[in-house]
Amino acid sequence: MFVDVVDLRNFYAQGLGKVARRFIGRGIRARWGDTKGQRVLGIGYATPYLGLFREEAERCLAFMPAAQGVVKWPSARPALSALVDEIELPLTDGAVDRALLVHALEMADDAVALLREIWRVLAPNGRLLAVVPNRRGLWARTDSTPFGHGRPYSRSQITSILRETWFTPNGWGEALYVPPVARGLFLRSAVAWERTGASLSAPFAGVHIVEATKQVYRAIPARREKRTLVPALKPVLAPSASGTARIQK
C-alpha cells in the first residue's frame, strides 16, 4: 500500500527527512556519477533525488502511482511529473536509459509486475537503481517514516526478485545508519553514525541502494526433442512358392 503523497512531502520537509535525503542522495550519486545525455525516469516518490540529475540529463520524468497521488515537480518550472498506473507506464518500449525507484518497490501490490514493466521501458542495457528498506534495519521497524511502510527486503530477496524479472544486480550500497529518531542529538550526530556504520559494514543500515542492468538476452530452457520409436522389423508381403502372398517377418 502506497503512502500518501502529502505525507511523503511532509516527511522530506522535516529534519529527519532532510537527513535521509542527504545520505540517500549521496549513495545514489555514488552509483550514477554522470547522466549527461541520459533519459532518467523516477518512479514512486523520487523527486527529492531527481534534482541531482535534472541539469545534466537529457530529460527527467517523475511518475507517481495513482494509489499514492501526485504533486507538481519541479515547483517553479513546467511540470515533469505525472500520475500513472505503475504497471502500465505511458511510455514506448526502450524509452528511457535509467530508472530510479524510491518508495516504490516495497509499496507495490505486485512488485514483479512493476519490475517487468520497468524492464520494458528501459533501453537495451538500461540501468535500474532502487532504494529499498532493509529488512534488518531500524528504519523498517518504525512507521514514523515512509521507510517503515510496505514490505522491507533482505539483500537475497532483492537479488531473487531482480533475477526473476530479467535484471542483473551489479552494485550495492547502504545508507541511513543513523536511528530514525527526530531529536536534535541524533540529527546533529548523523554524519558520525553514517561514517561509523559504513566503515564497519554494519548490517543494520536503513536502506539498500542496489543497481541492476537490464538483461537483453534471456536464457530459454531447451526442450528435449521427442523420439519416434521405430520397430526393429516391419512385416512385409512376400510371394510364397504356391503363388499366394504370405506375411513374412
C-alpha atoms as a PDB file:
ATOM      1  CA  MET A   1       0.000   0.000   0.000  1.00  0.00           C
ATOM      2  CA  PHE A   2       1.492   3.323  -1.073  1.00  0.00           C
ATOM      3  CA  VAL A   3       1.995   6.144   1.426  1.00  0.00           C
ATOM      4  CA  ASP A   4       0.009   9.275   0.589  1.00  0.00           C
ATOM      5  CA  VAL A   5       1.997  11.843  -1.365  1.00  0.00           C
ATOM      6  CA  VAL A   6       1.185  14.569   1.174  1.00  0.00           C
ATOM      7  CA  ASP A   7       2.763  12.513   3.973  1.00  0.00           C
ATOM      8  CA  LEU A   8       5.838  11.889   1.826  1.00  0.00           C
ATOM      9  CA  ARG A   9       6.214  15.582   1.051  1.00  0.00           C
ATOM     10  CA  ASN A  10       5.821  16.498   4.728  1.00  0.00           C
ATOM     11  CA  PHE A  11       8.409  13.931   5.799  1.00  0.00           C
ATOM     12  CA  TYR A  12      11.082  15.338   3.481  1.00  0.00           C
ATOM     13  CA  ALA A  13      10.332  18.855   4.707  1.00  0.00           C
ATOM     14  CA  GLN A  14      11.245  17.885   8.294  1.00  0.00           C
ATOM     15  CA  GLY A  15      14.650  17.476   9.888  1.00  0.00           C
ATOM     16  CA  LEU A  16      14.754  13.665   9.740  1.00  0.00           C
ATOM     17  CA  GLY A  17      13.598  13.720   6.137  1.00  0.00           C
ATOM     18  CA  LYS A  18      16.346  16.166   5.214  1.00  0.00           C
ATOM     19  CA  VAL A  19      18.902  13.827   6.809  1.00  0.00           C
ATOM     20  CA  ALA A  20      17.503  10.877   4.840  1.00  0.00           C
ATOM     21  CA  ARG A  21      17.580  12.880   1.633  1.00  0.00           C
ATOM     22  CA  ARG A  22      21.182  13.891   2.201  1.00  0.00           C
ATOM     23  CA  PHE A  23      22.597  10.408   2.789  1.00  0.00           C
ATOM     24  CA  ILE A  24      20.440   8.538   0.288  1.00  0.00           C
ATOM     25  CA  GLY A  25      21.220  11.198  -2.313  1.00  0.00           C
ATOM     26  CA  ARG A  26      24.916  10.697  -1.649  1.00  0.00           C
ATOM     27  CA  GLY A  27      24.542   6.951  -2.202  1.00  0.00           C
ATOM     28  CA  ILE A  28      22.582   7.460  -5.421  1.00  0.00           C
ATOM     29  CA  ARG A  29      25.129   9.921  -6.764  1.00  0.00           C
ATOM     30  CA  ALA A  30      27.955   7.493  -5.970  1.00  0.00           C
ATOM     31  CA  ARG A  31      26.338   4.983  -8.336  1.00  0.00           C
ATOM     32  CA  TRP A  32      25.254   7.412 -11.027  1.00  0.00           C
ATOM     33  CA  GLY A  33      28.051   9.933 -11.218  1.00  0.00           C
ATOM     34  CA  ASP A  34      27.306  11.073 -14.766  1.00  0.00           C
ATOM     35  CA  THR A  35      23.933  11.081 -16.517  1.00  0.00           C
ATOM     36  CA  LYS A  36      24.787  13.557 -19.253  1.00  0.00           C
ATOM     37  CA  GLY A  37      22.592  12.954 -22.298  1.00  0.00           C
ATOM     38  CA  GLN A  38      20.604  10.253 -20.495  1.00  0.00           C
ATOM     39  CA  ARG A  39      16.829   9.920 -20.173  1.00  0.00           C
ATOM     40  CA  VAL A  40      16.086   9.435 -16.455  1.00  0.00           C
ATOM     41  CA  LEU A  41      12.760   8.211 -15.074  1.00  0.00           C
ATOM     42  CA  GLY A  42      11.806   8.348 -11.396  1.00  0.00           C
ATOM     43  CA  ILE A  43       9.067   6.026 -10.126  1.00  0.00           C
ATOM     44  CA  GLY A  44       7.345   6.230  -6.747  1.00  0.00           C
ATOM     45  CA  TYR A  45       8.356   9.366  -4.882  1.00  0.00           C
ATOM     46  CA  ALA A  46      11.751  10.029  -6.415  1.00  0.00           C
ATOM     47  CA  THR A  47      11.526  13.816  -6.744  1.00  0.00           C
ATOM     48  CA  PRO A  48      13.758  14.571  -3.707  1.00  0.00           C
ATOM     49  CA  TYR A  49      16.563  12.843  -5.648  1.00  0.00           C
ATOM     50  CA  LEU A  50      15.797  13.541  -9.309  1.00  0.00           C
ATOM     51  CA  GLY A  51      17.096  17.071  -8.838  1.00  0.00           C
ATOM     52  CA  LEU A  52      20.595  15.555  -8.772  1.00  0.00           C
ATOM     53  CA  PHE A  53      20.293  14.833 -12.496  1.00  0.00           C
ATOM     54  CA  ARG A  54      17.879  17.424 -13.873  1.00  0.00           C
ATOM     55  CA  GLU A  55      20.514  19.881 -15.058  1.00  0.00           C
ATOM     56  CA  GLU A  56      22.748  17.340 -16.812  1.00  0.00           C
ATOM     57  CA  ALA A  57      20.357  14.647 -18.081  1.00  0.00           C
ATOM     58  CA  GLU A  58      18.649  14.991 -21.453  1.00  0.00           C
ATOM     59  CA  ARG A  59      15.332  14.777 -19.618  1.00  0.00           C
ATOM     60  CA  CYS A  60      13.939  13.780 -16.214  1.00  0.00           C
ATOM     61  CA  LEU A  61      10.430  12.490 -15.613  1.00  0.00           C
ATOM     62  CA  ALA A  62       8.685  11.703 -12.317  1.00  0.00           C
ATOM     63  CA  PHE A  63       5.951   9.065 -12.472  1.00  0.00           C
ATOM     64  CA  MET A  64       3.863   8.752  -9.295  1.00  0.00           C
ATOM     65  CA  PRO A  65       1.478   5.811  -8.743  1.00  0.00           C
ATOM     66  CA  ALA A  66      -2.239   6.557  -8.685  1.00  0.00           C
ATOM     67  CA  ALA A  67      -2.607   4.980  -5.225  1.00  0.00           C
ATOM     68  CA  GLN A  68      -0.022   7.434  -3.869  1.00  0.00           C
ATOM     69  CA  GLY A  69      -1.077  10.664  -5.548  1.00  0.00           C
ATOM     70  CA  VAL A  70       0.942  13.261  -7.392  1.00  0.00           C
ATOM     71  CA  VAL A  71       2.460  16.670  -6.685  1.00  0.00           C
ATOM     72  CA  LYS A  72       3.798  19.158  -9.201  1.00  0.00           C
ATOM     73  CA  TRP A  73       7.516  18.835  -9.831  1.00  0.00           C
ATOM     74  CA  PRO A  74       9.553  20.942 -10.184  1.00  0.00           C
ATOM     75  CA  SER A  75       7.543  23.545  -8.331  1.00  0.00           C
ATOM     76  CA  ALA A  76       8.878  26.632 -10.170  1.00  0.00           C
ATOM     77  CA  ARG A  77       9.185  25.217 -13.704  1.00  0.00           C
ATOM     78  CA  PRO A  78       6.960  23.410 -16.213  1.00  0.00           C
ATOM     79  CA  ALA A  79       5.693  20.176 -14.682  1.00  0.00           C
ATOM     80  CA  LEU A  80       7.651  16.971 -15.287  1.00  0.00           C
ATOM     81  CA  SER A  81       5.554  14.774 -13.001  1.00  0.00           C
ATOM     82  CA  ALA A  82       2.533  12.648 -13.875  1.00  0.00           C
ATOM     83  CA  LEU A  83       0.029  10.339 -12.196  1.00  0.00           C
ATOM     84  CA  VAL A  84       0.286   6.813 -13.664  1.00  0.00           C
ATOM     85  CA  ASP A  85      -0.636   3.186 -13.284  1.00  0.00           C
ATOM     86  CA  GLU A  86       2.727   1.772 -12.218  1.00  0.00           C
ATOM     87  CA  ILE A  87       2.261  -1.490 -14.150  1.00  0.00           C
ATOM     88  CA  GLU A  88       1.117   0.238 -17.351  1.00  0.00           C
ATOM     89  CA  LEU A  89       3.551   3.102 -17.851  1.00  0.00           C
ATOM     90  CA  PRO A  90       2.657   5.559 -20.652  1.00  0.00           C
ATOM     91  CA  LEU A  91       5.952   5.028 -22.486  1.00  0.00           C
ATOM     92  CA  THR A  92       7.048   3.067 -25.522  1.00  0.00           C
ATOM     93  CA  ASP A  93       9.464   0.161 -25.297  1.00  0.00           C
ATOM     94  CA  GLY A  94      13.047   1.235 -24.587  1.00  0.00           C
ATOM     95  CA  ALA A  95      12.068   4.873 -23.980  1.00  0.00           C
ATOM     96  CA  VAL A  96      14.428   5.637 -21.047  1.00  0.00           C
ATOM     97  CA  ASP A  97      18.050   4.935 -20.202  1.00  0.00           C
ATOM     98  CA  ARG A  98      17.806   4.868 -16.412  1.00  0.00           C
ATOM     99  CA  ALA A  99      15.056   4.238 -13.886  1.00  0.00           C
ATOM    100  CA  LEU A 100      15.204   5.349 -10.236  1.00  0.00           C
ATOM    101  CA  LEU A 101      12.826   3.667  -7.775  1.00  0.00           C
ATOM    102  CA  VAL A 102      12.217   5.304  -4.389  1.00  0.00           C
ATOM    103  CA  HIS A 103       9.247   4.437  -2.147  1.00  0.00           C
ATOM    104  CA  ALA A 104       8.094   2.152  -4.947  1.00  0.00           C
ATOM    105  CA  LEU A 105       9.237  -1.477  -4.807  1.00  0.00           C
ATOM    106  CA  GLU A 106       8.292  -2.058  -1.169  1.00  0.00           C
ATOM    107  CA  MET A 107       4.912  -0.341  -1.659  1.00  0.00           C
ATOM    108  CA  ALA A 108       3.806  -2.106  -4.850  1.00  0.00           C
ATOM    109  CA  ASP A 109       0.971  -4.616  -4.705  1.00  0.00           C
ATOM    110  CA  ASP A 110       2.716  -6.610  -7.444  1.00  0.00           C
ATOM    111  CA  ALA A 111       6.451  -5.961  -7.336  1.00  0.00           C
ATOM    112  CA  VAL A 112       7.179  -8.463 -10.097  1.00  0.00           C
ATOM    113  CA  ALA A 113       4.745  -6.759 -12.497  1.00  0.00           C
ATOM    114  CA  LEU A 114       6.265  -3.365 -11.633  1.00  0.00           C
ATOM    115  CA  LEU A 115       9.816  -4.504 -12.384  1.00  0.00           C
ATOM    116  CA  ARG A 116       8.817  -6.196 -15.628  1.00  0.00           C
ATOM    117  CA  GLU A 117       7.128  -3.005 -16.777  1.00  0.00           C
ATOM    118  CA  ILE A 118      10.291  -1.068 -15.956  1.00  0.00           C
ATOM    119  CA  TRP A 119      12.268  -3.672 -17.934  1.00  0.00           C
ATOM    120  CA  ARG A 120      10.005  -2.961 -20.905  1.00  0.00           C
ATOM    121  CA  VAL A 121      10.528   0.820 -20.927  1.00  0.00           C
ATOM    122  CA  LEU A 122      14.296   0.636 -20.342  1.00  0.00           C
ATOM    123  CA  ALA A 123      16.608   0.792 -23.327  1.00  0.00           C
ATOM    124  CA  PRO A 124      18.860  -2.215 -24.049  1.00  0.00           C
ATOM    125  CA  ASN A 125      21.424  -2.436 -21.237  1.00  0.00           C
ATOM    126  CA  GLY A 126      19.477   0.259 -19.371  1.00  0.00           C
ATOM    127  CA  ARG A 127      20.181   0.685 -15.678  1.00  0.00           C
ATOM    128  CA  LEU A 128      17.869   0.467 -12.702  1.00  0.00           C
ATOM    129  CA  LEU A 129      18.647   1.959  -9.287  1.00  0.00           C
ATOM    130  CA  ALA A 130      16.321   1.024  -6.420  1.00  0.00           C
ATOM    131  CA  VAL A 131      16.249   2.392  -2.881  1.00  0.00           C
ATOM    132  CA  VAL A 132      14.647  -0.318  -0.748  1.00  0.00           C
ATOM    133  CA  PRO A 133      14.133  -0.538   3.047  1.00  0.00           C
ATOM    134  CA  ASN A 134      16.483  -3.017   4.692  1.00  0.00           C
ATOM    135  CA  ARG A 135      14.660  -5.861   6.436  1.00  0.00           C
ATOM    136  CA  ARG A 136      17.266  -5.842   9.226  1.00  0.00           C
ATOM    137  CA  GLY A 137      17.406  -2.080   9.693  1.00  0.00           C
ATOM    138  CA  LEU A 138      15.802   0.103  12.340  1.00  0.00           C
ATOM    139  CA  TRP A 139      14.027   2.285   9.776  1.00  0.00           C
ATOM    140  CA  ALA A 140      11.860  -0.634   8.640  1.00  0.00           C
ATOM    141  CA  ARG A 141      10.749  -1.298  12.226  1.00  0.00           C
ATOM    142  CA  THR A 142       9.028   2.016  12.871  1.00  0.00           C
ATOM    143  CA  ASP A 143       6.148   3.565  10.961  1.00  0.00           C
ATOM    144  CA  SER A 144       7.105   7.123  11.862  1.00  0.00           C
ATOM    145  CA  THR A 145       8.861   7.421   8.473  1.00  0.00           C
ATOM    146  CA  PRO A 146       7.835   6.237   4.975  1.00  0.00           C
ATOM    147  CA  PHE A 147      10.566   3.573   5.121  1.00  0.00           C
ATOM    148  CA  GLY A 148       8.572   1.769   7.823  1.00  0.00           C
ATOM    149  CA  HIS A 149       5.666   1.081   5.471  1.00  0.00           C
ATOM    150  CA  GLY A 150       5.287  -1.668   2.898  1.00  0.00           C
ATOM    151  CA  ARG A 151       7.496  -4.726   2.608  1.00  0.00           C
ATOM    152  CA  PRO A 152      11.193  -4.420   3.510  1.00  0.00           C
ATOM    153  CA  TYR A 153      13.699  -6.664   1.722  1.00  0.00           C
ATOM    154  CA  SER A 154      16.895  -8.513   2.557  1.00  0.00           C
ATOM    155  CA  ARG A 155      19.743  -8.498   0.053  1.00  0.00           C
ATOM    156  CA  SER A 156      18.994 -12.070  -1.019  1.00  0.00           C
ATOM    157  CA  GLN A 157      15.313 -11.240  -1.570  1.00  0.00           C
ATOM    158  CA  ILE A 158      16.218  -8.251  -3.751  1.00  0.00           C
ATOM    159  CA  THR A 159      18.635 -10.368  -5.777  1.00  0.00           C
ATOM    160  CA  SER A 160      15.991 -13.042  -6.289  1.00  0.00           C
ATOM    161  CA  ILE A 161      13.245 -10.699  -7.482  1.00  0.00           C
ATOM    162  CA  LEU A 162      15.604  -8.806  -9.804  1.00  0.00           C
ATOM    163  CA  ARG A 163      16.769 -12.008 -11.470  1.00  0.00           C
ATOM    164  CA  GLU A 164      13.174 -13.201 -11.768  1.00  0.00           C
ATOM    165  CA  THR A 165      12.318 -10.005 -13.656  1.00  0.00           C
ATOM    166  CA  TRP A 166      15.321 -10.155 -16.044  1.00  0.00           C
ATOM    167  CA  PHE A 167      17.729  -7.791 -14.275  1.00  0.00           C
ATOM    168  CA  THR A 168      21.315  -8.459 -13.227  1.00  0.00           C
ATOM    169  CA  PRO A 169      22.351  -6.824  -9.907  1.00  0.00           C
ATOM    170  CA  ASN A 170      25.811  -5.301 -10.302  1.00  0.00           C
ATOM    171  CA  GLY A 171      26.249  -2.776  -7.491  1.00  0.00           C
ATOM    172  CA  TRP A 172      25.256  -2.395  -3.855  1.00  0.00           C
ATOM    173  CA  GLY A 173      25.292   0.361  -1.298  1.00  0.00           C
ATOM    174  CA  GLU A 174      23.636   1.214   2.005  1.00  0.00           C
ATOM    175  CA  ALA A 175      22.514   4.356   3.763  1.00  0.00           C
ATOM    176  CA  LEU A 176      20.759   5.576   6.937  1.00  0.00           C
ATOM    177  CA  TYR A 177      22.785   4.083   9.756  1.00  0.00           C
ATOM    178  CA  VAL A 178      21.524   6.877  11.988  1.00  0.00           C
ATOM    179  CA  PRO A 179      18.499   5.772  14.092  1.00  0.00           C
ATOM    180  CA  PRO A 180      15.140   7.130  12.858  1.00  0.00           C
ATOM    181  CA  VAL A 181      14.777   9.492  15.818  1.00  0.00           C
ATOM    182  CA  ALA A 182      13.796  13.100  15.112  1.00  0.00           C
ATOM    183  CA  ARG A 183      15.707  14.598  18.025  1.00  0.00           C
ATOM    184  CA  GLY A 184      18.422  17.210  17.907  1.00  0.00           C
ATOM    185  CA  LEU A 185      21.182  14.983  19.326  1.00  0.00           C
ATOM    186  CA  PHE A 186      20.668  12.232  16.753  1.00  0.00           C
ATOM    187  CA  LEU A 187      20.269  14.663  13.873  1.00  0.00           C
ATOM    188  CA  ARG A 188      23.436  16.533  14.832  1.00  0.00           C
ATOM    189  CA  SER A 189      25.409  13.281  15.081  1.00  0.00           C
ATOM    190  CA  ALA A 190      24.029  11.804  11.841  1.00  0.00           C
ATOM    191  CA  VAL A 191      27.338  12.169   9.970  1.00  0.00           C
ATOM    192  CA  ALA A 192      29.181  10.240  12.680  1.00  0.00           C
ATOM    193  CA  TRP A 193      26.581   7.458  12.552  1.00  0.00           C
ATOM    194  CA  GLU A 194      26.923   7.169   8.786  1.00  0.00           C
ATOM    195  CA  ARG A 195      30.702   7.105   8.824  1.00  0.00           C
ATOM    196  CA  THR A 196      30.860   4.522  11.605  1.00  0.00           C
ATOM    197  CA  GLY A 197      28.252   2.251  10.032  1.00  0.00           C
ATOM    198  CA  ALA A 198      29.859   2.397   6.602  1.00  0.00           C
ATOM    199  CA  SER A 199      33.370   1.759   7.942  1.00  0.00           C
ATOM    200  CA  LEU A 200      32.185  -1.292   9.881  1.00  0.00           C
ATOM    201  CA  SER A 201      29.983  -2.574   7.024  1.00  0.00           C
ATOM    202  CA  ALA A 202      27.235  -2.857   9.595  1.00  0.00           C
ATOM    203  CA  PRO A 203      24.184  -4.932   8.528  1.00  0.00           C
ATOM    204  CA  PHE A 204      21.578  -2.619  10.074  1.00  0.00           C
ATOM    205  CA  ALA A 205      21.522   0.235   7.531  1.00  0.00           C
ATOM    206  CA  GLY A 206      18.086   1.693   6.923  1.00  0.00           C
ATOM    207  CA  VAL A 207      18.036   1.154   3.151  1.00  0.00           C
ATOM    208  CA  HIS A 208      19.701  -0.819   0.399  1.00  0.00           C
ATOM    209  CA  ILE A 209      20.736   1.067  -2.731  1.00  0.00           C
ATOM    210  CA  VAL A 210      21.012  -1.543  -5.472  1.00  0.00           C
ATOM    211  CA  GLU A 211      21.908  -1.027  -9.116  1.00  0.00           C
ATOM    212  CA  ALA A 212      20.940  -3.549 -11.789  1.00  0.00           C
ATOM    213  CA  THR A 213      21.290  -3.837 -15.562  1.00  0.00           C
ATOM    214  CA  LYS A 214      18.576  -4.923 -17.952  1.00  0.00           C
ATOM    215  CA  GLN A 215      19.199  -8.347 -19.477  1.00  0.00           C
ATOM    216  CA  VAL A 216      18.643  -8.054 -23.195  1.00  0.00           C
ATOM    217  CA  TYR A 217      19.099 -11.747 -23.943  1.00  0.00           C
ATOM    218  CA  ARG A 218      17.473 -14.154 -21.544  1.00  0.00           C
ATOM    219  CA  ALA A 219      18.159 -17.852 -21.295  1.00  0.00           C
ATOM    220  CA  ILE A 220      15.356 -20.009 -22.677  1.00  0.00           C
ATOM    221  CA  PRO A 221      15.090 -23.576 -21.324  1.00  0.00           C
ATOM    222  CA  ALA A 222      15.972 -26.104 -24.016  1.00  0.00           C
ATOM    223  CA  ARG A 223      13.257 -28.565 -24.979  1.00  0.00           C
ATOM    224  CA  ARG A 224      14.192 -32.173 -25.492  1.00  0.00           C
ATOM    225  CA  GLU A 225      13.144 -33.476 -28.902  1.00  0.00           C
ATOM    226  CA  LYS A 226      10.635 -36.291 -28.929  1.00  0.00           C
ATOM    227  CA  ARG A 227      11.942 -39.526 -30.361  1.00  0.00           C
ATOM    228  CA  THR A 228       9.845 -41.702 -32.603  1.00  0.00           C
ATOM    229  CA  LEU A 229      10.072 -45.370 -31.713  1.00  0.00           C
ATOM    230  CA  VAL A 230      10.766 -47.423 -34.832  1.00  0.00           C
ATOM    231  CA  PRO A 231      10.222 -51.191 -34.689  1.00  0.00           C
ATOM    232  CA  ALA A 232      13.322 -53.197 -35.446  1.00  0.00           C
ATOM    233  CA  LEU A 233      11.433 -55.300 -38.011  1.00  0.00           C
ATOM    234  CA  LYS A 234       8.342 -54.425 -40.045  1.00  0.00           C
ATOM    235  CA  PRO A 235       6.040 -57.068 -41.510  1.00  0.00           C
ATOM    236  CA  VAL A 236       6.133 -57.208 -45.345  1.00  0.00           C
ATOM    237  CA  LEU A 237       4.232 -59.127 -48.017  1.00  0.00           C
ATOM    238  CA  ALA A 238       6.306 -61.726 -49.862  1.00  0.00           C
ATOM    239  CA  PRO A 239       5.147 -64.234 -52.550  1.00  0.00           C
ATOM    240  CA  SER A 240       5.010 -67.902 -51.496  1.00  0.00           C
ATOM    241  CA  ALA A 241       6.049 -70.875 -53.545  1.00  0.00           C
ATOM    242  CA  SER A 242       2.397 -71.627 -54.364  1.00  0.00           C
ATOM    243  CA  GLY A 243       1.919 -68.134 -55.801  1.00  0.00           C
ATOM    244  CA  THR A 244      -0.142 -66.781 -52.901  1.00  0.00           C
ATOM    245  CA  ALA A 245       1.060 -63.905 -50.764  1.00  0.00           C
ATOM    246  CA  ARG A 246       2.077 -64.555 -47.206  1.00  0.00           C
ATOM    247  CA  ILE A 247       3.251 -62.301 -44.406  1.00  0.00           C
ATOM    248  CA  GLN A 248       6.980 -62.525 -43.765  1.00  0.00           C
ATOM    249  CA  LYS A 249       8.547 -61.327 -40.591  1.00  0.00           C
END
